[in-house]
Amino acid sequence: MVLNSLSGRFLMLTMVFVMLAEVLILVPSVARFREDYLLTRLERAQIASLALLASDSLIEERLEQELLTNAGVFNVVLRRDELRELVLSSPIPAPIHATFDLREPSPWELIRDAILVLTDRENRVIRVIGDPVREAGLLIEVTTETGPMRREMLEYGARVLVLSAVIAGMTALLLFVAVRYLILAPIRRVVTHMTAYAEAPEDATRIIAPTAGIRELREAEEALASLQTQLTGALRQKERLAQLGRAVAKVSHDLRNILSTASLLADRMEGSKDPAVARAAPKLVGSISRAVSLCESTLAFGKAEEPPPRLQRLALRPLVEDVVENERLALGEGAEVEFLTDVPPQLALRADPEQLFRVLSNLVRNARQAIEATGVPGTIEVGAGEDDGAWWLRVGDTGPGLPEKAREHLFTAFAGGARKGGVGLGLAISAELVRGHGGRLELKRSSDDGTEFLIRLPKAAAADPMGETPLAKRGAAG
């Protein structure tokens, strides 16, 4: 429909505003019309009185009545030298309702009197005083009725309104055509370019070329062209990175199998009687293990996305104890790391147990490796609790803290490695898994006294009347 379009609404608003302006003009116009109407009666009465004075007041009664009828008044009184003289007269049908002096009326008085006449449907008799022809030296006072004046005022107002409607319609139509071709057509062109670009954003030929002559539209087109150029470049880069990622994943898969075989052979080398081989074998095994770990991490991160969590009610303390026990078994010889847990036995939450295990394992493993790298004893503490809005888990250690560079890109893959040889995938994957639960993983502190991470899992995201969360439902559907 036309009214649902910008040009249609502009058309209607133009008509409304023009009509409103005409109405504001109408009231003063009607007031002026009333003044002219009464002045005309005074002029005719003055001419009639002058004709009567010229004939020494010797006219027939029929002619006198004709003069009064032509003037539209009941009687005429001349005021000269402060004396009132009744010149022409006829019976007055009702008492005089009000007196109006038209010699020097203010605009507000004229508007007020006009509104009073329009709102009063009774045919009143009024007295009007004025001097329409000042050169005559006479002050005229007449009595007339308001009924005929009110009818003519209403007819005049109706004509003004009709004319206003015609002017409003023509003005709105002209503005409608102008806006449609000068403004809406360029906007429609921009929309067409945006639609065409959305169909194939990688195609650089679909980027809009700014051509608008209107400054604002030209600026919008230039901004859109810049945005499309940047987006096309980003999409091309993303595609290249995706291709590179797929290639790396394939290489990592095959390399992992090769390294697994090499790892088995290196294990056998540790039993060699050759002292040089025996010394080199552990370092070789460590290097191969790190390479296998890198391949596995790359393959895990190379997936399109982590699967949605399958939420279930679980006791947190056994899961934490399982994570701690695994890391305790992974301690190197001579490493002195104490593990402390502060998890209430009755604490239960809704989460994906496998994904939560991976998150805690990453955090505790990082803490263990950081303490082992220092060669001094340290402590790792895992705590948990809940408040009104969320469950929280805390993993802290007394290690050396994170380097400044690692803090800047802590949760960015391949950029936030916190230890030598690390690639920064563990924390990036952990943050993604926590976000999948609707929560957040954040670094609370990191200094020479140690590092502390905090996990918050909101209860609102897990609450569902049917016992399942939207995330769980989506995971089940996938």
Protein backbone atom coordinates (compact mmCIF):
# COMPACT_ATOMS: atom_id res chain seq x y z
CA MET A 1 0.00 0.00 0.00
CA VAL A 2 1.07 3.58 -0.64
CA LEU A 3 0.66 4.58 3.02
CA ASN A 4 3.16 1.90 4.06
CA SER A 5 5.86 3.49 1.89
CA LEU A 6 8.06 6.40 2.87
CA SER A 7 6.79 8.54 0.00
CA GLY A 8 3.14 7.78 0.88
CA ARG A 9 3.61 8.79 4.48
CA PHE A 10 5.45 11.90 3.38
CA LEU A 11 2.46 12.72 1.15
CA MET A 12 0.01 12.37 4.03
CA LEU A 13 2.18 14.37 6.43
CA THR A 14 2.53 17.16 3.88
CA MET A 15 -1.22 17.36 3.41
CA VAL A 16 -1.82 17.36 7.16
CA PHE A 17 0.73 20.11 7.82
CA VAL A 18 -0.50 22.27 4.95
CA MET A 19 -4.08 21.89 6.16
CA LEU A 20 -2.97 22.76 9.68
CA ALA A 21 -1.26 25.91 8.39
CA GLU A 22 -4.39 26.87 6.43
CA VAL A 23 -6.56 26.36 9.52
CA LEU A 24 -4.27 28.65 11.49
CA ILE A 25 -4.73 31.21 8.72
CA LEU A 26 -8.50 30.58 8.51
CA VAL A 27 -9.44 32.06 11.88
CA PRO A 28 -7.80 35.48 11.25
CA SER A 29 -9.24 35.41 7.71
CA VAL A 30 -12.79 34.85 9.02
CA ALA A 31 -12.25 37.62 11.60
CA ARG A 32 -11.17 39.98 8.81
CA PHE A 33 -14.17 38.91 6.73
CA ARG A 34 -16.51 39.81 9.63
CA GLU A 35 -14.87 43.21 9.95
CA ASP A 36 -15.23 43.89 6.21
CA TYR A 37 -18.84 42.70 6.37
CA LEU A 38 -19.71 45.19 9.13
CA LEU A 39 -17.71 48.00 7.50
CA THR A 40 -19.68 47.41 4.30
CA ARG A 41 -22.91 47.84 6.27
CA LEU A 42 -21.56 51.04 7.78
CA GLU A 43 -20.57 52.42 4.38
CA ARG A 44 -23.98 51.70 2.92
CA ALA A 45 -25.63 53.26 5.96
CA GLN A 46 -23.42 56.34 5.62
CA ILE A 47 -24.31 56.72 1.93
CA ALA A 48 -28.01 56.37 2.75
CA SER A 49 -27.78 58.98 5.53
CA LEU A 50 -25.93 61.41 3.27
CA ALA A 51 -28.59 60.97 0.58
CA LEU A 52 -31.26 61.67 3.17
CA LEU A 53 -29.47 64.78 4.42
CA ALA A 54 -29.12 66.04 0.84
CA SER A 55 -32.87 65.88 0.39
CA ASP A 56 -33.55 67.78 3.66
CA SER A 57 -35.05 64.56 5.12
CA LEU A 58 -37.99 64.76 2.68
CA ILE A 59 -38.27 61.16 1.41
CA GLU A 60 -41.11 58.72 1.41
CA GLU A 61 -41.35 55.98 4.02
CA ARG A 62 -41.10 53.32 1.26
CA LEU A 63 -37.81 54.82 0.01
CA GLU A 64 -36.48 55.01 3.58
CA GLN A 65 -37.24 51.35 4.08
CA GLU A 66 -35.53 50.51 0.81
CA LEU A 67 -32.39 52.39 1.90
CA LEU A 68 -32.31 50.45 5.20
CA THR A 69 -32.85 47.14 3.42
CA ASN A 70 -30.09 47.91 0.93
CA ALA A 71 -27.74 48.79 3.80
CA GLY A 72 -28.76 45.62 5.71
CA VAL A 73 -29.49 47.49 8.94
CA PHE A 74 -32.52 48.38 11.08
CA ASN A 75 -31.67 52.01 11.79
CA VAL A 76 -28.93 54.56 11.24
CA VAL A 77 -27.77 57.12 13.79
CA LEU A 78 -25.40 59.96 12.94
CA ARG A 79 -23.06 61.36 15.54
CA ARG A 80 -21.92 64.86 14.82
CA ASP A 81 -20.52 67.34 17.33
CA GLU A 82 -21.29 64.91 20.17
CA LEU A 83 -24.96 64.90 19.14
CA ARG A 84 -26.83 61.74 18.14
CA GLU A 85 -29.41 62.08 15.40
CA LEU A 86 -31.62 59.20 14.25
CA VAL A 87 -31.63 59.49 10.50
CA LEU A 88 -33.21 56.24 9.30
CA SER A 89 -35.19 53.85 11.45
CA SER A 90 -37.35 50.74 11.36
CA PRO A 91 -38.70 48.37 14.00
CA ILE A 92 -36.01 46.37 15.85
CA PRO A 93 -37.10 42.72 16.28
CA ALA A 94 -35.24 42.14 19.56
CA PRO A 95 -33.24 43.99 22.23
CA ILE A 96 -29.69 44.93 21.38
CA HIS A 97 -27.41 42.10 22.49
CA ALA A 98 -24.00 43.79 22.24
CA THR A 99 -22.19 46.85 20.87
CA PHE A 100 -19.04 46.71 18.71
CA ASP A 101 -16.75 49.66 17.96
CA LEU A 102 -14.87 49.24 14.65
CA ARG A 103 -12.89 52.44 14.73
CA GLU A 104 -9.59 50.94 16.02
CA PRO A 105 -10.13 47.30 16.99
CA SER A 106 -7.17 45.09 17.92
CA PRO A 107 -6.57 41.80 16.03
CA TRP A 108 -7.30 39.79 19.14
CA GLU A 109 -10.63 41.58 19.63
CA LEU A 110 -11.59 40.85 16.01
CA ILE A 111 -10.69 37.14 16.39
CA ARG A 112 -12.56 36.87 19.68
CA ASP A 113 -15.70 38.54 18.31
CA ALA A 114 -15.61 36.36 15.17
CA ILE A 115 -15.39 33.17 17.27
CA LEU A 116 -18.30 34.34 19.42
CA VAL A 117 -20.44 34.87 16.30
CA LEU A 118 -19.56 31.47 14.85
CA THR A 119 -20.29 29.61 18.09
CA ASP A 120 -23.59 31.43 18.76
CA ARG A 121 -26.42 30.01 16.64
CA GLU A 122 -28.99 32.55 17.88
CA ASN A 123 -29.88 35.47 15.58
CA ARG A 124 -28.83 38.43 17.74
CA VAL A 125 -29.32 42.17 17.22
CA ILE A 126 -26.10 44.11 17.64
CA ARG A 127 -25.04 47.77 17.52
CA VAL A 128 -22.03 48.69 15.37
CA ILE A 129 -20.14 51.98 15.59
CA GLY A 130 -17.62 53.20 13.02
CA ASP A 131 -16.50 55.88 10.57
CA PRO A 132 -15.91 54.00 7.29
CA VAL A 133 -15.44 57.16 5.21
CA ARG A 134 -13.49 59.50 7.49
CA GLU A 135 -13.58 62.36 5.02
CA ALA A 136 -17.32 62.63 5.58
CA GLY A 137 -16.75 63.81 9.13
CA LEU A 138 -19.54 61.57 10.44
CA LEU A 139 -19.63 58.80 13.01
CA ILE A 140 -22.13 56.12 12.03
CA GLU A 141 -24.01 53.93 14.42
CA VAL A 142 -26.21 51.14 13.04
CA THR A 143 -28.12 48.13 14.36
CA THR A 144 -28.11 44.87 12.47
CA GLU A 145 -28.61 41.15 13.03
CA THR A 146 -25.97 38.42 13.28
CA GLY A 147 -27.80 35.59 11.47
CA PRO A 148 -27.02 36.63 7.86
CA MET A 149 -23.47 37.60 8.87
CA ARG A 150 -22.90 34.21 10.48
CA ARG A 151 -24.15 32.39 7.36
CA GLU A 152 -21.82 34.37 5.10
CA MET A 153 -18.92 33.79 7.49
CA LEU A 154 -19.53 30.03 7.39
CA GLU A 155 -19.73 30.06 3.58
CA TYR A 156 -16.52 32.04 3.39
CA GLY A 157 -14.79 29.66 5.79
CA ALA A 158 -15.97 26.65 3.76
CA ARG A 159 -14.58 28.18 0.57
CA VAL A 160 -11.26 28.83 2.29
CA LEU A 161 -11.14 25.23 3.54
CA VAL A 162 -11.89 23.81 0.09
CA LEU A 163 -9.24 26.03 -1.45
CA SER A 164 -6.81 24.98 1.31
CA ALA A 165 -7.51 21.33 0.60
CA VAL A 166 -6.81 21.86 -3.11
CA ILE A 167 -3.57 23.74 -2.33
CA ALA A 168 -2.54 21.07 0.18
CA GLY A 169 -3.22 18.28 -2.29
CA MET A 170 -1.30 19.95 -5.11
CA THR A 171 1.61 20.84 -2.81
CA ALA A 172 1.74 17.32 -1.37
CA LEU A 173 1.59 15.79 -4.85
CA LEU A 174 4.45 17.94 -6.10
CA LEU A 175 6.52 17.13 -3.01
CA PHE A 176 5.62 13.45 -3.38
CA VAL A 177 6.94 13.38 -6.94
CA ALA A 178 10.04 15.36 -5.98
CA VAL A 179 10.85 13.14 -2.99
CA ARG A 180 10.18 9.98 -4.99
CA TYR A 181 12.62 10.86 -7.75
CA LEU A 182 15.19 12.96 -5.88
CA ILE A 183 15.50 10.98 -2.65
CA LEU A 184 13.70 7.64 -2.75
CA ALA A 185 15.07 6.59 -6.13
CA PRO A 186 18.71 6.87 -4.93
CA ILE A 187 17.78 5.08 -1.71
CA ARG A 188 16.12 2.29 -3.71
CA ARG A 189 19.29 2.04 -5.78
CA VAL A 190 21.34 1.57 -2.61
CA VAL A 191 18.92 -1.11 -1.38
CA THR A 192 19.13 -2.89 -4.75
CA HIS A 193 22.93 -2.88 -4.56
CA MET A 194 22.82 -4.20 -0.99
CA THR A 195 20.48 -7.05 -2.02
CA ALA A 196 22.64 -7.95 -5.01
CA TYR A 197 25.80 -7.82 -2.89
CA ALA A 198 24.22 -10.04 -0.21
CA GLU A 199 23.66 -12.76 -2.81
CA ALA A 200 27.40 -13.02 -3.55
CA PRO A 201 29.51 -10.97 -1.10
CA GLU A 202 32.72 -12.51 -2.42
CA ASP A 203 32.12 -10.94 -5.86
CA ALA A 204 33.99 -7.62 -5.92
CA THR A 205 32.06 -6.48 -9.01
CA ARG A 206 28.92 -6.13 -6.88
CA ILE A 207 30.43 -3.46 -4.65
CA ILE A 208 28.44 -0.24 -5.05
CA ALA A 209 30.01 2.65 -6.94
CA PRO A 210 28.99 5.98 -5.31
CA THR A 211 27.16 8.17 -7.83
CA ALA A 212 24.52 10.06 -5.80
CA GLY A 213 24.44 13.83 -6.20
CA ILE A 214 22.91 14.45 -2.77
CA ARG A 215 25.67 14.87 -0.21
CA GLU A 216 24.11 12.71 2.52
CA LEU A 217 23.30 9.87 0.12
CA ARG A 218 26.76 10.13 -1.40
CA GLU A 219 28.29 9.77 2.07
CA ALA A 220 26.05 6.75 2.74
CA GLU A 221 27.08 5.14 -0.56
CA GLU A 222 30.77 5.76 0.17
CA ALA A 223 30.41 4.25 3.64
CA LEU A 224 28.59 1.24 2.17
CA ALA A 225 31.25 0.81 -0.51
CA SER A 226 33.99 0.90 2.14
CA LEU A 227 32.12 -1.64 4.27
CA GLN A 228 31.53 -3.95 1.32
CA THR A 229 35.19 -3.70 0.29
CA GLN A 230 36.37 -4.61 3.78
CA LEU A 231 33.83 -7.43 4.06
CA THR A 232 34.76 -8.88 0.67
CA GLY A 233 38.43 -8.84 1.66
CA ALA A 234 37.64 -10.44 5.01
CA LEU A 235 35.56 -13.16 3.36
CA ARG A 236 38.34 -13.92 0.91
CA GLN A 237 40.84 -14.08 3.75
CA LYS A 238 38.49 -16.29 5.74
CA GLU A 239 38.13 -18.66 2.80
CA ARG A 240 41.90 -18.83 2.39
CA LEU A 241 42.29 -19.48 6.12
CA ALA A 242 39.59 -22.17 5.96
CA GLN A 243 41.39 -23.86 3.11
CA LEU A 244 44.65 -23.57 5.03
CA GLY A 245 42.97 -24.98 8.12
CA ARG A 246 41.63 -27.97 6.25
CA ALA A 247 45.08 -28.61 4.79
CA VAL A 248 46.72 -28.30 8.23
CA ALA A 249 44.12 -30.66 9.71
CA LYS A 250 44.90 -33.27 7.06
CA VAL A 251 48.64 -32.88 7.56
CA SER A 252 48.23 -33.00 11.36
CA HIS A 253 46.15 -36.18 11.10
CA ASP A 254 48.74 -37.99 9.02
CA LEU A 255 51.63 -36.55 11.01
CA ARG A 256 50.07 -37.72 14.26
CA ASN A 257 49.99 -41.31 12.97
CA ILE A 258 53.62 -41.07 11.84
CA LEU A 259 54.69 -39.58 15.17
CA SER A 260 52.83 -42.28 17.08
CA THR A 261 54.95 -44.88 15.33
CA ALA A 262 58.08 -42.84 16.01
CA SER A 263 57.07 -42.61 19.68
CA LEU A 264 56.90 -46.39 19.98
CA LEU A 265 60.36 -46.72 18.44
CA ALA A 266 61.73 -44.03 20.73
CA ASP A 267 60.37 -45.89 23.78
CA ARG A 268 62.38 -48.95 22.72
CA MET A 269 65.48 -46.82 22.34
CA GLU A 270 65.39 -46.00 26.05
CA GLY A 271 66.52 -49.57 26.78
CA SER A 272 69.58 -49.26 24.56
CA LYS A 273 72.95 -50.08 26.12
CA ASP A 274 74.59 -47.27 24.19
CA PRO A 275 75.03 -44.42 26.73
CA ALA A 276 74.58 -41.70 24.10
CA VAL A 277 71.37 -43.25 22.83
CA ALA A 278 70.09 -43.75 26.36
CA ARG A 279 70.69 -40.06 27.16
CA ALA A 280 69.07 -38.83 23.94
CA ALA A 281 66.08 -41.16 24.06
CA PRO A 282 64.11 -39.31 26.82
CA LYS A 283 64.54 -35.98 25.04
CA LEU A 284 63.44 -37.57 21.79
CA VAL A 285 60.38 -39.09 23.46
CA GLY A 286 59.51 -35.70 24.99
CA SER A 287 59.82 -33.91 21.66
CA ILE A 288 57.69 -36.50 19.88
CA SER A 289 55.08 -36.36 22.66
CA ARG A 290 54.85 -32.59 22.35
CA ALA A 291 54.50 -32.88 18.57
CA VAL A 292 51.71 -35.47 18.96
CA SER A 293 49.98 -33.19 21.49
CA LEU A 294 50.23 -30.26 19.06
CA CYS A 295 48.70 -32.36 16.26
CA GLU A 296 45.85 -33.49 18.48
CA SER A 297 45.15 -29.92 19.68
CA THR A 298 45.19 -28.62 16.13
CA LEU A 299 42.76 -31.31 15.02
CA ALA A 300 40.45 -30.55 17.96
CA PHE A 301 40.46 -26.82 17.32
CA GLY A 302 40.11 -27.30 13.56
CA LYS A 303 36.56 -28.55 13.94
CA ALA A 304 33.90 -26.07 12.77
CA GLU A 305 32.60 -25.67 16.33
CA GLU A 306 32.28 -27.49 19.60
CA PRO A 307 29.05 -29.50 19.92
CA PRO A 308 26.34 -27.95 22.10
CA PRO A 309 26.62 -29.09 25.73
CA ARG A 310 24.32 -31.90 26.89
CA LEU A 311 23.35 -30.55 30.26
CA GLN A 312 22.60 -32.84 33.17
CA ARG A 313 22.51 -32.61 36.91
CA LEU A 314 25.85 -33.71 38.36
CA ALA A 315 27.74 -33.63 41.63
CA LEU A 316 30.76 -31.41 41.20
CA ARG A 317 33.13 -32.79 43.83
CA PRO A 318 33.72 -36.26 42.24
CA LEU A 319 34.45 -34.61 38.89
CA VAL A 320 36.98 -32.24 40.48
CA GLU A 321 38.63 -35.09 42.35
CA ASP A 322 38.93 -37.05 39.09
CA VAL A 323 40.65 -34.10 37.39
CA VAL A 324 43.02 -33.62 40.32
CA GLU A 325 43.90 -37.33 40.47
CA ASN A 326 44.79 -37.38 36.76
CA GLU A 327 47.09 -34.40 37.16
CA ARG A 328 48.65 -35.88 40.29
CA LEU A 329 49.55 -38.98 38.30
CA ALA A 330 51.06 -36.81 35.55
CA LEU A 331 53.53 -35.14 37.96
CA GLY A 332 57.13 -35.44 36.85
CA GLU A 333 59.82 -36.95 39.04
CA GLY A 334 60.99 -34.58 41.74
CA ALA A 335 58.08 -32.15 41.22
CA GLU A 336 56.49 -30.98 44.46
CA VAL A 337 52.94 -29.79 43.74
CA GLU A 338 50.22 -29.90 46.37
CA PHE A 339 46.58 -30.17 45.22
CA LEU A 340 43.82 -28.71 47.41
CA THR A 341 40.09 -28.93 46.77
CA ASP A 342 37.44 -26.81 48.40
CA VAL A 343 34.19 -28.12 46.89
CA PRO A 344 31.14 -28.71 49.14
CA PRO A 345 30.07 -32.39 48.96
CA GLN A 346 26.45 -31.45 48.38
CA LEU A 347 27.13 -28.93 45.60
CA ALA A 348 25.45 -29.96 42.32
CA LEU A 349 25.05 -28.05 39.09
CA ARG A 350 23.73 -28.50 35.56
CA ALA A 351 26.49 -28.88 32.98
CA ASP A 352 27.95 -31.17 30.39
CA PRO A 353 30.27 -33.42 32.45
CA GLU A 354 32.67 -34.15 29.58
CA GLN A 355 33.06 -30.53 28.57
CA LEU A 356 33.39 -29.33 32.16
CA PHE A 357 36.04 -32.02 32.74
CA ARG A 358 38.00 -30.72 29.73
CA VAL A 359 37.83 -27.14 30.99
CA LEU A 360 39.04 -27.99 34.50
CA SER A 361 41.71 -30.32 33.12
CA ASN A 362 43.09 -27.54 30.92
CA LEU A 363 43.24 -25.07 33.80
CA VAL A 364 44.73 -27.49 36.33
CA ARG A 365 47.23 -28.86 33.79
CA ASN A 366 48.41 -25.34 32.91
CA ALA A 367 48.88 -24.58 36.60
CA ARG A 368 50.81 -27.83 37.19
CA GLN A 369 53.10 -27.25 34.23
CA ALA A 370 53.75 -23.66 35.30
CA ILE A 371 54.80 -24.77 38.80
CA GLU A 372 56.91 -27.64 37.46
CA ALA A 373 58.73 -25.21 35.16
CA THR A 374 59.90 -23.17 38.16
CA GLY A 375 61.45 -26.18 39.92
CA VAL A 376 60.12 -25.00 43.30
CA PRO A 377 57.23 -26.42 45.34
CA GLY A 378 53.78 -24.99 44.68
CA THR A 379 50.09 -25.38 45.38
CA ILE A 380 47.04 -25.71 43.14
CA GLU A 381 43.63 -25.09 44.65
CA VAL A 382 40.25 -25.84 43.07
CA GLY A 383 37.25 -24.28 44.80
CA ALA A 384 33.56 -24.00 43.98
CA GLY A 385 30.35 -22.50 45.31
CA GLU A 386 27.12 -20.83 44.28
CA ASP A 387 25.14 -17.65 44.75
CA ASP A 388 21.63 -16.57 43.77
CA GLY A 389 22.45 -16.19 40.08
CA ALA A 390 25.24 -18.61 39.23
CA TRP A 391 27.58 -21.45 40.12
CA TRP A 392 31.24 -20.53 40.27
CA LEU A 393 34.47 -22.52 40.09
CA ARG A 394 37.91 -21.15 40.98
CA VAL A 395 41.28 -22.57 39.92
CA GLY A 396 44.27 -20.89 41.53
CA ASP A 397 47.97 -21.65 41.86
CA THR A 398 51.12 -20.29 43.44
CA GLY A 399 53.06 -20.37 40.18
CA PRO A 400 55.07 -17.59 38.59
CA GLY A 401 52.09 -15.86 36.95
CA LEU A 402 51.39 -15.24 33.30
CA PRO A 403 53.65 -13.18 31.05
CA GLU A 404 52.32 -9.79 30.01
CA LYS A 405 52.16 -10.84 26.35
CA ALA A 406 50.12 -13.92 27.22
CA ARG A 407 47.54 -11.85 29.13
CA GLU A 408 46.85 -9.64 26.11
CA HIS A 409 45.61 -12.55 23.97
CA LEU A 410 44.88 -15.10 26.67
CA PHE A 411 41.80 -16.68 25.06
CA THR A 412 42.89 -16.28 21.43
CA ALA A 413 43.93 -19.45 19.64
CA PHE A 414 47.59 -19.64 18.62
CA ALA A 415 48.22 -16.26 20.25
CA GLY A 416 47.77 -16.78 24.00
CA GLY A 417 50.37 -19.41 24.82
CA ALA A 418 51.39 -18.98 28.44
CA ARG A 419 54.36 -21.40 28.53
CA LYS A 420 57.28 -22.24 26.32
CA GLY A 421 56.22 -24.75 23.68
CA GLY A 422 52.52 -24.03 24.16
CA VAL A 423 50.29 -22.95 21.27
CA GLY A 424 47.49 -21.25 23.21
CA LEU A 425 44.72 -23.67 22.23
CA GLY A 426 43.80 -24.95 25.70
CA LEU A 427 42.44 -21.69 27.09
CA ALA A 428 40.77 -20.78 23.78
CA ILE A 429 38.92 -24.13 23.73
CA SER A 430 38.05 -23.82 27.44
CA ALA A 431 36.60 -20.33 26.97
CA GLU A 432 34.52 -21.58 24.03
CA LEU A 433 33.17 -24.52 26.06
CA VAL A 434 32.20 -22.23 28.96
CA ARG A 435 30.48 -19.81 26.58
CA GLY A 436 28.49 -22.77 25.24
CA HIS A 437 27.05 -23.14 28.75
CA GLY A 438 26.05 -19.47 28.75
CA GLY A 439 28.83 -18.62 31.20
CA ARG A 440 32.23 -16.98 31.05
CA LEU A 441 35.82 -17.82 31.86
CA GLU A 442 37.95 -14.95 33.09
CA LEU A 443 41.36 -14.27 34.58
CA LYS A 444 40.88 -12.84 38.07
CA ARG A 445 44.54 -12.21 38.90
CA SER A 446 48.06 -13.06 37.77
CA SER A 447 51.23 -11.92 39.50
CA ASP A 448 54.41 -13.27 41.01
CA ASP A 449 52.25 -14.81 43.78
CA GLY A 450 50.27 -16.94 41.33
CA THR A 451 47.35 -17.04 38.93
CA GLU A 452 43.62 -17.45 39.46
CA PHE A 453 40.89 -18.24 36.91
CA LEU A 454 37.16 -17.98 37.59
CA ILE A 455 34.34 -19.84 35.84
CA ARG A 456 30.76 -18.59 36.22
CA LEU A 457 27.83 -20.70 34.96
CA PRO A 458 24.52 -18.81 35.23
CA LYS A 459 21.61 -20.67 36.76
CA ALA A 460 19.12 -18.81 34.52
CA ALA A 461 20.63 -20.38 31.40
CA ALA A 462 20.16 -23.86 32.90
CA ALA A 463 16.66 -23.39 34.32
CA ASP A 464 13.85 -24.89 32.28
CA PRO A 465 10.31 -25.95 33.35
CA MET A 466 10.60 -29.26 31.48
CA GLY A 467 13.95 -30.12 33.04
CA GLU A 468 15.97 -29.35 29.90
CA THR A 469 17.72 -26.23 28.77
CA PRO A 470 17.55 -24.74 25.28
CA LEU A 471 21.22 -25.71 24.91
CA ALA A 472 20.48 -29.31 25.88
CA LYS A 473 17.55 -29.48 23.51
CA ARG A 474 19.63 -28.06 20.68
CA GLY A 475 22.42 -30.52 21.43
CA ALA A 476 19.99 -33.43 21.41
CA ALA A 477 18.55 -32.26 18.11
CA GLY A 478 22.05 -32.01 16.62
